[in-house]
N, C-alpha and C. Protein backbone atom coordinates (compact mmCIF):
# COMPACT_ATOMS: atom_id res chain seq x y z
N UNK A 1 30.76 -3.20 27.07
CA UNK A 1 29.58 -2.50 26.54
C UNK A 1 29.94 -1.04 26.26
N UNK A 2 29.66 -0.58 25.03
CA UNK A 2 29.94 0.79 24.65
C UNK A 2 28.96 1.74 25.33
N UNK A 3 29.44 2.94 25.65
CA UNK A 3 28.60 3.97 26.23
C UNK A 3 28.35 5.03 25.18
N UNK A 4 27.08 5.27 24.84
CA UNK A 4 26.73 6.18 23.76
C UNK A 4 25.88 7.32 24.30
N UNK A 5 26.24 8.55 23.93
CA UNK A 5 25.46 9.73 24.30
C UNK A 5 24.43 10.00 23.21
N UNK A 6 23.22 10.33 23.61
CA UNK A 6 22.16 10.64 22.65
C UNK A 6 21.28 11.73 23.23
N UNK A 7 21.06 12.78 22.45
CA UNK A 7 20.21 13.90 22.87
C UNK A 7 19.00 13.93 21.93
N UNK A 8 17.97 13.12 22.20
CA UNK A 8 16.90 12.92 21.22
C UNK A 8 16.06 14.14 20.92
N UNK A 9 16.02 15.15 21.80
CA UNK A 9 15.17 16.31 21.55
C UNK A 9 15.95 17.56 21.18
N UNK A 10 17.26 17.46 21.02
CA UNK A 10 18.04 18.64 20.65
C UNK A 10 17.62 19.22 19.31
N UNK A 11 17.11 18.38 18.42
CA UNK A 11 16.69 18.89 17.11
C UNK A 11 15.58 19.91 17.24
N UNK A 12 14.76 19.81 18.29
CA UNK A 12 13.69 20.77 18.49
C UNK A 12 14.21 22.11 18.95
N UNK A 13 15.24 22.09 19.81
CA UNK A 13 15.74 23.34 20.36
C UNK A 13 16.64 24.08 19.38
N UNK A 14 17.28 23.33 18.46
CA UNK A 14 18.22 23.97 17.55
C UNK A 14 17.57 24.44 16.26
N UNK A 15 16.46 23.81 15.87
CA UNK A 15 15.70 24.26 14.70
C UNK A 15 16.58 24.41 13.46
N UNK A 16 17.28 23.35 13.11
CA UNK A 16 18.14 23.44 11.93
C UNK A 16 18.11 22.13 11.16
N UNK A 17 18.39 22.20 9.86
CA UNK A 17 18.48 21.01 9.02
C UNK A 17 19.47 21.29 7.90
N UNK A 18 20.48 20.44 7.78
CA UNK A 18 21.47 20.60 6.71
C UNK A 18 20.92 20.18 5.36
N UNK A 19 20.02 19.21 5.37
CA UNK A 19 19.51 18.66 4.11
C UNK A 19 18.09 18.17 4.35
N UNK A 20 17.17 18.53 3.46
CA UNK A 20 15.75 18.23 3.65
C UNK A 20 15.23 17.37 2.50
N UNK A 21 14.56 16.29 2.85
CA UNK A 21 14.02 15.34 1.88
C UNK A 21 12.53 15.18 2.13
N UNK A 22 11.74 15.22 1.07
CA UNK A 22 10.33 14.82 1.17
C UNK A 22 10.12 13.57 0.33
N UNK A 23 9.11 12.79 0.71
CA UNK A 23 8.87 11.51 0.06
C UNK A 23 7.48 11.49 -0.55
N UNK A 24 7.41 11.38 -1.86
CA UNK A 24 6.19 11.15 -2.62
C UNK A 24 5.01 11.98 -2.10
N UNK A 25 3.95 11.33 -1.58
CA UNK A 25 2.76 12.04 -1.14
C UNK A 25 3.00 12.98 0.03
N UNK A 26 4.07 12.75 0.80
CA UNK A 26 4.41 13.67 1.87
C UNK A 26 4.73 15.06 1.35
N UNK A 27 5.15 15.13 0.10
CA UNK A 27 5.43 16.42 -0.52
C UNK A 27 4.15 17.23 -0.67
N UNK A 28 3.03 16.55 -0.93
CA UNK A 28 1.73 17.24 -0.99
C UNK A 28 1.40 17.89 0.35
N UNK A 29 1.71 17.18 1.44
CA UNK A 29 1.43 17.70 2.78
C UNK A 29 2.23 18.98 3.03
N UNK A 30 3.51 18.95 2.67
CA UNK A 30 4.34 20.14 2.82
C UNK A 30 3.77 21.29 2.00
N UNK A 31 3.46 21.03 0.75
CA UNK A 31 2.95 22.05 -0.17
C UNK A 31 1.66 22.68 0.36
N UNK A 32 0.76 21.86 0.88
CA UNK A 32 -0.53 22.36 1.35
C UNK A 32 -0.44 23.06 2.70
N UNK A 33 0.51 22.66 3.53
CA UNK A 33 0.55 23.17 4.90
C UNK A 33 1.22 24.53 5.03
N UNK A 34 2.15 24.85 4.12
CA UNK A 34 2.89 26.12 4.26
C UNK A 34 2.28 27.25 3.44
N UNK A 35 1.45 26.93 2.47
CA UNK A 35 0.67 27.90 1.72
C UNK A 35 1.50 29.08 1.21
N UNK A 36 1.24 30.30 1.75
CA UNK A 36 1.89 31.51 1.24
C UNK A 36 3.39 31.53 1.51
N UNK A 37 3.87 30.66 2.40
CA UNK A 37 5.30 30.64 2.73
C UNK A 37 6.04 29.50 2.04
N UNK A 38 5.50 29.03 0.93
CA UNK A 38 6.09 27.87 0.24
C UNK A 38 7.54 28.10 -0.14
N UNK A 39 7.88 29.31 -0.52
CA UNK A 39 9.25 29.59 -0.94
C UNK A 39 10.24 29.50 0.21
N UNK A 40 9.73 29.49 1.45
CA UNK A 40 10.61 29.38 2.62
C UNK A 40 10.85 27.93 3.02
N UNK A 41 10.07 27.01 2.45
CA UNK A 41 10.16 25.61 2.83
C UNK A 41 10.36 24.75 1.58
N UNK A 42 11.52 24.87 1.00
CA UNK A 42 11.85 24.15 -0.22
C UNK A 42 12.76 22.97 0.14
N UNK A 43 12.37 21.73 -0.17
CA UNK A 43 13.24 20.59 0.10
C UNK A 43 14.43 20.57 -0.85
N UNK A 44 15.47 19.87 -0.44
CA UNK A 44 16.63 19.68 -1.32
C UNK A 44 16.41 18.52 -2.27
N UNK A 45 15.59 17.56 -1.86
CA UNK A 45 15.39 16.34 -2.64
C UNK A 45 13.98 15.82 -2.44
N UNK A 46 13.38 15.33 -3.52
CA UNK A 46 12.11 14.61 -3.47
C UNK A 46 12.34 13.24 -4.07
N UNK A 47 11.94 12.18 -3.34
CA UNK A 47 12.12 10.83 -3.86
C UNK A 47 10.85 10.02 -3.65
N UNK A 48 10.80 8.83 -4.21
CA UNK A 48 9.65 7.94 -4.06
C UNK A 48 9.28 7.29 -5.38
N UNK A 49 8.23 6.44 -5.34
CA UNK A 49 7.77 5.84 -6.58
C UNK A 49 6.79 6.75 -7.32
N UNK A 50 6.43 7.87 -6.68
CA UNK A 50 5.62 8.93 -7.28
C UNK A 50 4.23 8.47 -7.73
N UNK A 51 3.62 7.61 -6.90
CA UNK A 51 2.24 7.22 -7.19
C UNK A 51 1.25 8.09 -6.43
N UNK A 52 1.77 9.03 -5.60
CA UNK A 52 0.88 9.85 -4.77
C UNK A 52 1.06 11.35 -4.96
N UNK A 53 2.23 11.79 -5.35
CA UNK A 53 2.48 13.22 -5.47
C UNK A 53 1.63 13.82 -6.59
N UNK A 54 1.04 14.97 -6.33
CA UNK A 54 0.21 15.64 -7.33
C UNK A 54 1.10 16.27 -8.41
N UNK A 55 0.60 16.29 -9.63
CA UNK A 55 1.39 16.81 -10.75
C UNK A 55 1.77 18.26 -10.54
N UNK A 56 0.83 19.08 -10.03
CA UNK A 56 1.13 20.50 -9.85
C UNK A 56 2.15 20.72 -8.73
N UNK A 57 2.14 19.82 -7.74
CA UNK A 57 3.12 19.92 -6.66
C UNK A 57 4.51 19.58 -7.17
N UNK A 58 4.61 18.49 -7.92
CA UNK A 58 5.90 18.11 -8.49
C UNK A 58 6.44 19.20 -9.40
N UNK A 59 5.56 19.79 -10.20
CA UNK A 59 6.01 20.83 -11.11
C UNK A 59 6.48 22.07 -10.36
N UNK A 60 5.79 22.44 -9.29
CA UNK A 60 6.19 23.60 -8.50
C UNK A 60 7.61 23.45 -7.98
N UNK A 61 7.92 22.30 -7.39
CA UNK A 61 9.25 22.13 -6.81
C UNK A 61 10.33 21.94 -7.88
N UNK A 62 9.95 21.38 -9.02
CA UNK A 62 10.92 21.27 -10.11
C UNK A 62 11.34 22.66 -10.58
N UNK A 63 10.39 23.60 -10.66
CA UNK A 63 10.72 24.96 -11.08
C UNK A 63 11.61 25.67 -10.06
N UNK A 64 11.63 25.15 -8.81
CA UNK A 64 12.49 25.72 -7.76
C UNK A 64 13.86 25.07 -7.74
N UNK A 65 14.11 24.17 -8.69
CA UNK A 65 15.42 23.54 -8.78
C UNK A 65 15.64 22.38 -7.83
N UNK A 66 14.56 21.82 -7.28
CA UNK A 66 14.67 20.70 -6.35
C UNK A 66 15.07 19.43 -7.10
N UNK A 67 16.01 18.69 -6.55
CA UNK A 67 16.42 17.41 -7.14
C UNK A 67 15.29 16.40 -6.97
N UNK A 68 14.93 15.72 -8.05
CA UNK A 68 13.87 14.71 -8.03
C UNK A 68 14.48 13.37 -8.42
N UNK A 69 14.34 12.38 -7.52
CA UNK A 69 14.97 11.08 -7.71
C UNK A 69 13.93 9.97 -7.60
N UNK A 70 13.51 9.38 -8.74
CA UNK A 70 12.55 8.27 -8.67
C UNK A 70 13.19 7.04 -8.03
N UNK A 71 12.42 6.37 -7.15
CA UNK A 71 12.88 5.12 -6.53
C UNK A 71 11.74 4.11 -6.66
N UNK A 72 11.64 3.42 -7.80
CA UNK A 72 10.47 2.59 -8.11
C UNK A 72 10.43 1.22 -7.44
N UNK A 73 11.48 0.79 -6.79
CA UNK A 73 11.55 -0.54 -6.19
C UNK A 73 10.41 -0.74 -5.18
N UNK A 74 9.52 -1.71 -5.46
CA UNK A 74 8.35 -1.93 -4.60
C UNK A 74 8.62 -2.88 -3.43
N UNK A 75 9.84 -3.39 -3.31
CA UNK A 75 10.17 -4.28 -2.20
C UNK A 75 10.48 -3.49 -0.92
N UNK A 76 10.61 -2.18 -1.04
CA UNK A 76 10.91 -1.34 0.11
C UNK A 76 9.96 -0.14 0.12
N UNK A 77 9.71 0.41 1.30
CA UNK A 77 8.87 1.60 1.40
C UNK A 77 9.63 2.81 0.87
N UNK A 78 8.89 3.86 0.56
CA UNK A 78 9.52 5.09 0.10
C UNK A 78 10.45 5.66 1.16
N UNK A 79 10.07 5.52 2.43
CA UNK A 79 10.93 5.99 3.50
C UNK A 79 12.26 5.24 3.51
N UNK A 80 12.20 3.91 3.40
CA UNK A 80 13.42 3.10 3.40
C UNK A 80 14.33 3.49 2.24
N UNK A 81 13.73 3.70 1.07
CA UNK A 81 14.53 4.05 -0.11
C UNK A 81 15.11 5.46 0.02
N UNK A 82 14.33 6.38 0.59
CA UNK A 82 14.82 7.74 0.78
C UNK A 82 15.98 7.77 1.77
N UNK A 83 15.91 6.94 2.79
CA UNK A 83 16.98 6.87 3.76
C UNK A 83 18.27 6.38 3.12
N UNK A 84 18.18 5.33 2.32
CA UNK A 84 19.37 4.83 1.62
C UNK A 84 19.94 5.89 0.70
N UNK A 85 19.06 6.60 0.01
CA UNK A 85 19.50 7.64 -0.91
C UNK A 85 20.21 8.76 -0.16
N UNK A 86 19.65 9.16 0.98
CA UNK A 86 20.27 10.20 1.79
C UNK A 86 21.65 9.77 2.28
N UNK A 87 21.76 8.53 2.75
CA UNK A 87 23.04 8.05 3.28
C UNK A 87 24.10 7.92 2.20
N UNK A 88 23.67 7.80 0.94
CA UNK A 88 24.63 7.69 -0.16
C UNK A 88 25.28 9.03 -0.50
N UNK A 89 24.71 10.12 0.00
CA UNK A 89 25.24 11.45 -0.30
C UNK A 89 26.32 11.77 0.73
N UNK A 90 27.50 11.26 0.49
CA UNK A 90 28.59 11.34 1.47
C UNK A 90 29.12 12.76 1.67
N UNK A 91 28.77 13.68 0.79
CA UNK A 91 29.25 15.05 0.93
C UNK A 91 28.47 15.83 1.98
N UNK A 92 27.35 15.27 2.48
CA UNK A 92 26.50 15.94 3.45
C UNK A 92 26.90 15.51 4.86
N UNK A 93 27.13 16.46 5.73
CA UNK A 93 27.43 16.15 7.12
C UNK A 93 26.12 15.92 7.86
N UNK A 94 25.96 14.72 8.39
CA UNK A 94 24.72 14.35 9.06
C UNK A 94 25.03 13.90 10.48
N UNK A 95 24.42 14.56 11.46
CA UNK A 95 24.58 14.18 12.86
C UNK A 95 23.39 13.37 13.36
N UNK A 96 22.20 13.68 12.86
CA UNK A 96 20.98 12.98 13.24
C UNK A 96 20.00 13.11 12.10
N UNK A 97 19.19 12.08 11.89
CA UNK A 97 18.16 12.08 10.86
C UNK A 97 16.80 12.10 11.55
N UNK A 98 16.02 13.14 11.29
CA UNK A 98 14.71 13.31 11.92
C UNK A 98 13.63 13.11 10.86
N UNK A 99 12.71 12.20 11.12
CA UNK A 99 11.64 11.89 10.19
C UNK A 99 10.34 12.44 10.76
N UNK A 100 9.81 13.49 10.14
CA UNK A 100 8.60 14.14 10.63
C UNK A 100 7.35 13.50 10.04
N UNK A 101 6.27 13.53 10.79
CA UNK A 101 5.02 12.95 10.33
C UNK A 101 5.04 11.43 10.32
N UNK A 102 5.81 10.84 11.22
CA UNK A 102 6.05 9.40 11.18
C UNK A 102 4.95 8.56 11.83
N UNK A 103 4.00 9.20 12.53
CA UNK A 103 3.01 8.44 13.28
C UNK A 103 1.58 8.66 12.83
N UNK A 104 1.35 9.54 11.88
CA UNK A 104 -0.01 9.81 11.45
C UNK A 104 -0.51 8.76 10.49
N UNK A 105 -1.84 8.65 10.39
CA UNK A 105 -2.43 7.78 9.38
C UNK A 105 -2.51 6.32 9.79
N UNK A 106 -2.20 5.43 8.85
CA UNK A 106 -2.45 4.00 9.01
C UNK A 106 -1.46 3.33 9.96
N UNK A 107 -1.97 2.37 10.74
CA UNK A 107 -1.14 1.67 11.70
C UNK A 107 -0.07 0.82 11.00
N UNK A 108 -0.42 0.21 9.86
CA UNK A 108 0.58 -0.62 9.17
C UNK A 108 1.76 0.22 8.70
N UNK A 109 1.49 1.48 8.33
CA UNK A 109 2.58 2.34 7.90
C UNK A 109 3.44 2.79 9.08
N UNK A 110 2.83 2.94 10.26
CA UNK A 110 3.61 3.25 11.46
C UNK A 110 4.57 2.10 11.75
N UNK A 111 4.06 0.87 11.68
CA UNK A 111 4.94 -0.28 11.91
C UNK A 111 6.01 -0.38 10.82
N UNK A 112 5.67 -0.02 9.59
CA UNK A 112 6.66 -0.02 8.51
C UNK A 112 7.77 0.98 8.80
N UNK A 113 7.41 2.14 9.36
CA UNK A 113 8.42 3.14 9.72
C UNK A 113 9.33 2.62 10.82
N UNK A 114 8.76 1.93 11.79
CA UNK A 114 9.58 1.35 12.86
C UNK A 114 10.48 0.26 12.30
N UNK A 115 9.97 -0.50 11.33
CA UNK A 115 10.80 -1.52 10.68
C UNK A 115 12.01 -0.89 10.00
N UNK A 116 11.84 0.30 9.42
CA UNK A 116 12.97 0.98 8.77
C UNK A 116 14.05 1.33 9.80
N UNK A 117 13.65 1.63 11.03
CA UNK A 117 14.64 1.86 12.08
C UNK A 117 15.50 0.61 12.28
N UNK A 118 14.90 -0.56 12.21
CA UNK A 118 15.66 -1.80 12.32
C UNK A 118 16.57 -2.00 11.11
N UNK A 119 16.08 -1.64 9.93
CA UNK A 119 16.93 -1.73 8.73
C UNK A 119 18.12 -0.78 8.84
N UNK A 120 17.87 0.41 9.38
CA UNK A 120 18.89 1.45 9.43
C UNK A 120 20.05 1.07 10.34
N UNK A 121 19.82 0.22 11.34
CA UNK A 121 20.89 -0.14 12.27
C UNK A 121 22.04 -0.84 11.55
N UNK A 122 21.74 -1.48 10.40
CA UNK A 122 22.78 -2.15 9.62
C UNK A 122 23.37 -1.25 8.54
N UNK A 123 22.84 -0.04 8.41
CA UNK A 123 23.28 0.86 7.36
C UNK A 123 24.11 2.04 7.87
N UNK A 124 23.85 2.44 9.12
CA UNK A 124 24.51 3.66 9.62
C UNK A 124 24.52 3.67 11.14
N UNK A 125 25.47 4.38 11.68
CA UNK A 125 25.50 4.61 13.14
C UNK A 125 24.83 5.94 13.50
N UNK A 126 24.37 6.68 12.50
CA UNK A 126 23.68 7.95 12.73
C UNK A 126 22.31 7.69 13.34
N UNK A 127 21.95 8.35 14.44
CA UNK A 127 20.62 8.15 15.01
C UNK A 127 19.52 8.56 14.04
N UNK A 128 18.49 7.73 13.94
CA UNK A 128 17.32 8.03 13.12
C UNK A 128 16.13 8.15 14.06
N UNK A 129 15.51 9.31 14.09
CA UNK A 129 14.43 9.61 15.03
C UNK A 129 13.12 9.78 14.27
N UNK A 130 12.09 9.03 14.70
CA UNK A 130 10.75 9.24 14.18
C UNK A 130 10.05 10.24 15.08
N UNK A 131 9.40 11.23 14.48
CA UNK A 131 8.82 12.30 15.29
C UNK A 131 7.51 12.81 14.70
N UNK A 132 6.70 13.38 15.59
CA UNK A 132 5.51 14.13 15.20
C UNK A 132 5.44 15.34 16.12
N UNK A 133 4.31 16.04 16.09
CA UNK A 133 4.18 17.23 16.93
C UNK A 133 4.07 16.89 18.41
N UNK A 134 3.83 15.61 18.74
CA UNK A 134 3.58 15.28 20.15
C UNK A 134 4.36 14.08 20.68
N UNK A 135 5.15 13.43 19.84
CA UNK A 135 5.89 12.26 20.30
C UNK A 135 7.08 11.98 19.40
N UNK A 136 8.00 11.16 19.91
CA UNK A 136 9.16 10.74 19.13
C UNK A 136 9.59 9.36 19.58
N UNK A 137 10.36 8.67 18.74
CA UNK A 137 10.95 7.40 19.16
C UNK A 137 12.27 7.21 18.42
N UNK A 138 13.15 6.42 19.04
CA UNK A 138 14.44 6.10 18.46
C UNK A 138 14.79 4.68 18.88
N UNK A 139 15.44 3.93 17.98
CA UNK A 139 15.80 2.55 18.27
C UNK A 139 17.16 2.52 18.97
N UNK A 140 17.18 1.93 20.16
CA UNK A 140 18.42 1.73 20.91
C UNK A 140 18.98 0.36 20.53
N UNK A 141 20.20 0.35 20.04
CA UNK A 141 20.78 -0.89 19.54
C UNK A 141 21.33 -1.75 20.66
N UNK A 142 21.32 -3.03 20.42
CA UNK A 142 21.78 -4.00 21.42
C UNK A 142 23.27 -3.81 21.73
N UNK A 143 23.64 -4.15 22.95
CA UNK A 143 25.05 -4.17 23.32
C UNK A 143 25.65 -2.83 23.63
N UNK A 144 24.82 -1.83 23.97
CA UNK A 144 25.35 -0.50 24.29
C UNK A 144 24.63 0.05 25.51
N UNK A 145 25.31 0.90 26.23
CA UNK A 145 24.67 1.64 27.32
C UNK A 145 24.43 3.05 26.83
N UNK A 146 23.17 3.45 26.80
CA UNK A 146 22.81 4.77 26.30
C UNK A 146 22.62 5.74 27.46
N UNK A 147 23.13 6.94 27.24
CA UNK A 147 22.87 8.05 28.16
C UNK A 147 22.04 9.07 27.39
N UNK A 148 20.78 9.18 27.73
CA UNK A 148 19.87 10.07 27.03
C UNK A 148 19.76 11.39 27.77
N UNK A 149 20.07 12.47 27.07
CA UNK A 149 19.92 13.80 27.64
C UNK A 149 18.47 14.22 27.49
N UNK A 150 17.80 14.49 28.60
CA UNK A 150 16.37 14.83 28.57
C UNK A 150 16.13 16.06 29.43
N UNK A 151 16.81 17.15 29.08
CA UNK A 151 16.68 18.39 29.86
C UNK A 151 16.49 19.61 28.96
N UNK A 152 15.88 19.41 27.77
CA UNK A 152 15.72 20.51 26.83
C UNK A 152 14.49 21.37 27.14
N UNK A 153 13.56 20.85 27.93
CA UNK A 153 12.31 21.55 28.19
C UNK A 153 11.18 21.12 27.28
N UNK A 154 11.49 20.31 26.26
CA UNK A 154 10.47 19.81 25.35
C UNK A 154 9.93 18.45 25.79
N UNK A 155 10.49 17.89 26.87
CA UNK A 155 10.05 16.59 27.33
C UNK A 155 8.63 16.65 27.90
N UNK A 156 7.80 15.66 27.54
CA UNK A 156 6.45 15.61 28.05
C UNK A 156 6.36 14.74 29.29
N UNK A 157 5.15 14.26 29.56
CA UNK A 157 4.89 13.55 30.81
C UNK A 157 5.16 12.04 30.73
N UNK A 158 5.10 11.46 29.54
CA UNK A 158 5.21 10.01 29.47
C UNK A 158 6.39 9.57 28.62
N UNK A 159 6.83 8.34 28.86
CA UNK A 159 7.87 7.72 28.05
C UNK A 159 7.70 6.20 28.16
N UNK A 160 8.36 5.46 27.30
CA UNK A 160 8.22 4.02 27.31
C UNK A 160 9.37 3.32 26.63
N UNK A 161 9.50 2.03 26.92
CA UNK A 161 10.51 1.16 26.30
C UNK A 161 9.77 -0.03 25.70
N UNK A 162 9.80 -0.15 24.37
CA UNK A 162 8.99 -1.14 23.67
C UNK A 162 9.91 -2.12 22.93
N UNK A 163 9.82 -3.42 23.23
CA UNK A 163 10.68 -4.42 22.58
C UNK A 163 10.11 -4.85 21.24
N UNK A 164 10.17 -3.97 20.26
CA UNK A 164 9.61 -4.26 18.94
C UNK A 164 10.64 -5.05 18.12
N UNK A 165 10.26 -6.22 17.65
CA UNK A 165 11.16 -7.04 16.84
C UNK A 165 11.46 -8.36 17.52
N UNK A 166 11.95 -8.30 18.75
CA UNK A 166 12.21 -9.52 19.50
C UNK A 166 12.33 -9.16 20.98
N UNK A 167 12.20 -10.13 21.86
CA UNK A 167 12.26 -9.83 23.29
C UNK A 167 13.63 -9.33 23.73
N UNK A 168 13.62 -8.54 24.78
CA UNK A 168 14.85 -8.15 25.48
C UNK A 168 14.87 -8.91 26.80
N UNK A 169 15.98 -9.56 27.11
CA UNK A 169 16.06 -10.38 28.30
C UNK A 169 16.69 -9.65 29.48
N UNK A 170 17.51 -8.65 29.19
CA UNK A 170 18.21 -7.94 30.25
C UNK A 170 18.19 -6.43 29.96
N UNK A 171 17.35 -5.70 30.69
CA UNK A 171 17.26 -4.25 30.52
C UNK A 171 17.42 -3.60 31.89
N UNK A 172 18.32 -2.61 31.96
CA UNK A 172 18.55 -1.86 33.20
C UNK A 172 18.48 -0.38 32.89
N UNK A 173 17.76 0.37 33.71
CA UNK A 173 17.61 1.81 33.48
C UNK A 173 17.86 2.60 34.75
N UNK A 174 18.20 3.86 34.58
CA UNK A 174 18.18 4.85 35.66
C UNK A 174 17.51 6.10 35.12
N UNK A 175 17.02 6.95 36.02
CA UNK A 175 16.43 8.22 35.63
C UNK A 175 14.96 8.18 35.31
N UNK A 176 14.32 7.02 35.55
CA UNK A 176 12.88 6.88 35.32
C UNK A 176 12.16 6.70 36.65
N UNK A 177 10.88 7.02 36.67
CA UNK A 177 10.10 6.82 37.89
C UNK A 177 10.03 5.35 38.24
N UNK A 178 9.85 4.49 37.21
CA UNK A 178 9.83 3.05 37.42
C UNK A 178 10.98 2.44 36.61
N UNK A 179 12.11 2.24 37.26
CA UNK A 179 13.30 1.73 36.59
C UNK A 179 13.25 0.20 36.48
N UNK A 180 14.02 -0.29 35.52
CA UNK A 180 14.19 -1.73 35.32
C UNK A 180 15.56 -2.13 35.84
N UNK A 181 15.63 -3.29 36.49
CA UNK A 181 16.88 -3.79 37.05
C UNK A 181 17.16 -5.18 36.50
N UNK A 182 17.83 -5.20 35.35
CA UNK A 182 18.18 -6.47 34.68
C UNK A 182 16.93 -7.32 34.42
N UNK A 183 15.87 -6.65 33.99
CA UNK A 183 14.60 -7.33 33.74
C UNK A 183 14.37 -7.55 32.26
N UNK A 184 13.45 -8.45 31.95
CA UNK A 184 13.10 -8.72 30.57
C UNK A 184 11.90 -7.92 30.11
N UNK A 185 11.86 -7.63 28.81
CA UNK A 185 10.72 -6.97 28.19
C UNK A 185 10.31 -7.78 26.97
N UNK A 186 9.03 -8.11 26.87
CA UNK A 186 8.53 -8.86 25.72
C UNK A 186 7.03 -8.72 25.65
N UNK A 187 6.47 -8.72 24.43
CA UNK A 187 5.02 -8.71 24.28
C UNK A 187 4.45 -10.01 24.85
N UNK A 188 3.36 -9.88 25.57
CA UNK A 188 2.78 -11.01 26.25
C UNK A 188 3.32 -11.20 27.65
N UNK A 189 4.35 -10.42 28.01
CA UNK A 189 4.94 -10.51 29.34
C UNK A 189 4.96 -9.12 29.99
N UNK A 190 6.02 -8.36 29.76
CA UNK A 190 6.12 -7.01 30.32
C UNK A 190 6.56 -6.04 29.24
N UNK A 191 5.83 -4.93 29.11
CA UNK A 191 6.21 -3.83 28.22
C UNK A 191 6.15 -2.56 29.05
N UNK A 192 7.18 -1.74 28.97
CA UNK A 192 7.25 -0.53 29.79
C UNK A 192 6.53 0.61 29.08
N UNK A 193 5.30 0.88 29.47
CA UNK A 193 4.54 2.00 28.93
C UNK A 193 4.10 2.90 30.08
N UNK A 194 3.71 4.12 29.74
CA UNK A 194 3.23 5.10 30.73
C UNK A 194 4.22 5.30 31.87
N UNK A 195 5.51 5.19 31.54
CA UNK A 195 6.55 5.53 32.50
C UNK A 195 6.74 7.05 32.46
N UNK A 196 7.60 7.58 33.28
CA UNK A 196 7.84 9.01 33.29
C UNK A 196 9.27 9.30 33.73
N UNK A 197 9.77 10.49 33.40
CA UNK A 197 11.13 10.86 33.74
C UNK A 197 11.22 11.22 35.22
N UNK A 198 12.36 10.88 35.81
CA UNK A 198 12.59 11.19 37.22
C UNK A 198 12.83 12.68 37.43
N UNK A 199 13.36 13.35 36.40
CA UNK A 199 13.54 14.79 36.47
C UNK A 199 14.95 15.28 36.68
N UNK A 200 15.95 14.37 36.60
CA UNK A 200 17.34 14.80 36.79
C UNK A 200 18.05 15.11 35.48
N UNK A 201 17.32 15.07 34.35
CA UNK A 201 17.89 15.46 33.07
C UNK A 201 18.66 14.40 32.33
N UNK A 202 18.74 13.17 32.88
CA UNK A 202 19.51 12.12 32.24
C UNK A 202 18.84 10.78 32.49
N UNK A 203 18.75 9.97 31.43
CA UNK A 203 18.26 8.60 31.53
C UNK A 203 19.33 7.68 30.97
N UNK A 204 19.64 6.61 31.68
CA UNK A 204 20.57 5.61 31.13
C UNK A 204 19.80 4.32 30.88
N UNK A 205 20.15 3.65 29.79
CA UNK A 205 19.48 2.41 29.41
C UNK A 205 20.53 1.42 28.90
N UNK A 206 20.55 0.23 29.46
CA UNK A 206 21.37 -0.88 28.98
C UNK A 206 20.42 -1.97 28.51
N UNK A 207 20.66 -2.48 27.31
CA UNK A 207 19.77 -3.50 26.76
C UNK A 207 20.56 -4.54 25.97
N UNK A 208 20.15 -5.79 26.06
CA UNK A 208 20.84 -6.86 25.34
C UNK A 208 20.28 -7.07 23.95
N UNK A 209 19.12 -6.45 23.63
CA UNK A 209 18.55 -6.51 22.29
C UNK A 209 18.01 -5.14 21.91
N UNK A 210 17.72 -4.96 20.63
CA UNK A 210 17.21 -3.68 20.15
C UNK A 210 15.93 -3.32 20.92
N UNK A 211 15.82 -2.05 21.28
CA UNK A 211 14.73 -1.60 22.14
C UNK A 211 14.29 -0.20 21.69
N UNK A 212 12.99 0.00 21.56
CA UNK A 212 12.47 1.27 21.08
C UNK A 212 12.19 2.19 22.26
N UNK A 213 12.89 3.35 22.28
CA UNK A 213 12.63 4.39 23.28
C UNK A 213 11.63 5.37 22.69
N UNK A 214 10.53 5.62 23.39
CA UNK A 214 9.55 6.59 22.91
C UNK A 214 9.19 7.55 24.04
N UNK A 215 8.79 8.76 23.67
CA UNK A 215 8.47 9.75 24.69
C UNK A 215 7.59 10.85 24.12
N UNK A 216 6.88 11.51 25.01
CA UNK A 216 6.05 12.64 24.62
C UNK A 216 6.90 13.86 24.33
N UNK A 217 6.49 14.63 23.34
CA UNK A 217 7.16 15.88 23.00
C UNK A 217 6.16 17.01 23.15
N UNK A 218 6.57 18.08 23.83
CA UNK A 218 5.73 19.26 23.98
C UNK A 218 6.03 20.27 22.88
N UNK A 219 5.02 20.98 22.42
CA UNK A 219 5.21 21.99 21.38
C UNK A 219 6.03 23.17 21.86
N UNK A 220 5.88 23.54 23.12
CA UNK A 220 6.58 24.70 23.67
C UNK A 220 7.44 24.26 24.84
N UNK A 221 8.69 24.71 24.84
CA UNK A 221 9.59 24.36 25.93
C UNK A 221 9.15 25.05 27.21
N UNK A 222 9.48 24.43 28.34
CA UNK A 222 9.15 25.00 29.64
C UNK A 222 9.94 26.29 29.87
């Protein structure tokens, strides 16, 4: 079993992004939320089928020299297509992919975003993190032992392990208040929710199938 290091909240403490992508209607959210500081928050790329982006928003970013890439294929979500497009840009050094605003709005779209995490496992070894202002999740792939660094100060009170996709038959953890010892996780049986960190700054997880790690994120570090 491979041992993999993962620091899921380091992106919050480092506040950096090598390459920024907005997707279709999400570009409207960026445009409306930054207001007078729009020139400070310019994406490198806008993609999607463009059925939601406002004309004035698209025009604003085009005048700023932003690359615009239509992805009309309706068999995949705009997020899935944007991820493939990003991964195709081999000249960009990518250590982690953070997807902001991944949990707001419709439940079916939240599940679609989680499905993209499953698609991504066959496309890249780069961690893909779904995040919002108060929570994050990352898919832990089968057949590896993960060591999660959780000492940034942005960790909240709760965390969980969710077997989205298929059951996990053998899960072992350390560093949690309620650890698992070679136990199974499956909907209709046992799902690890409302767990919490033990406080030693490290969590280890071994799983025989893909497993979703989720946790609370605080706006301000301790």
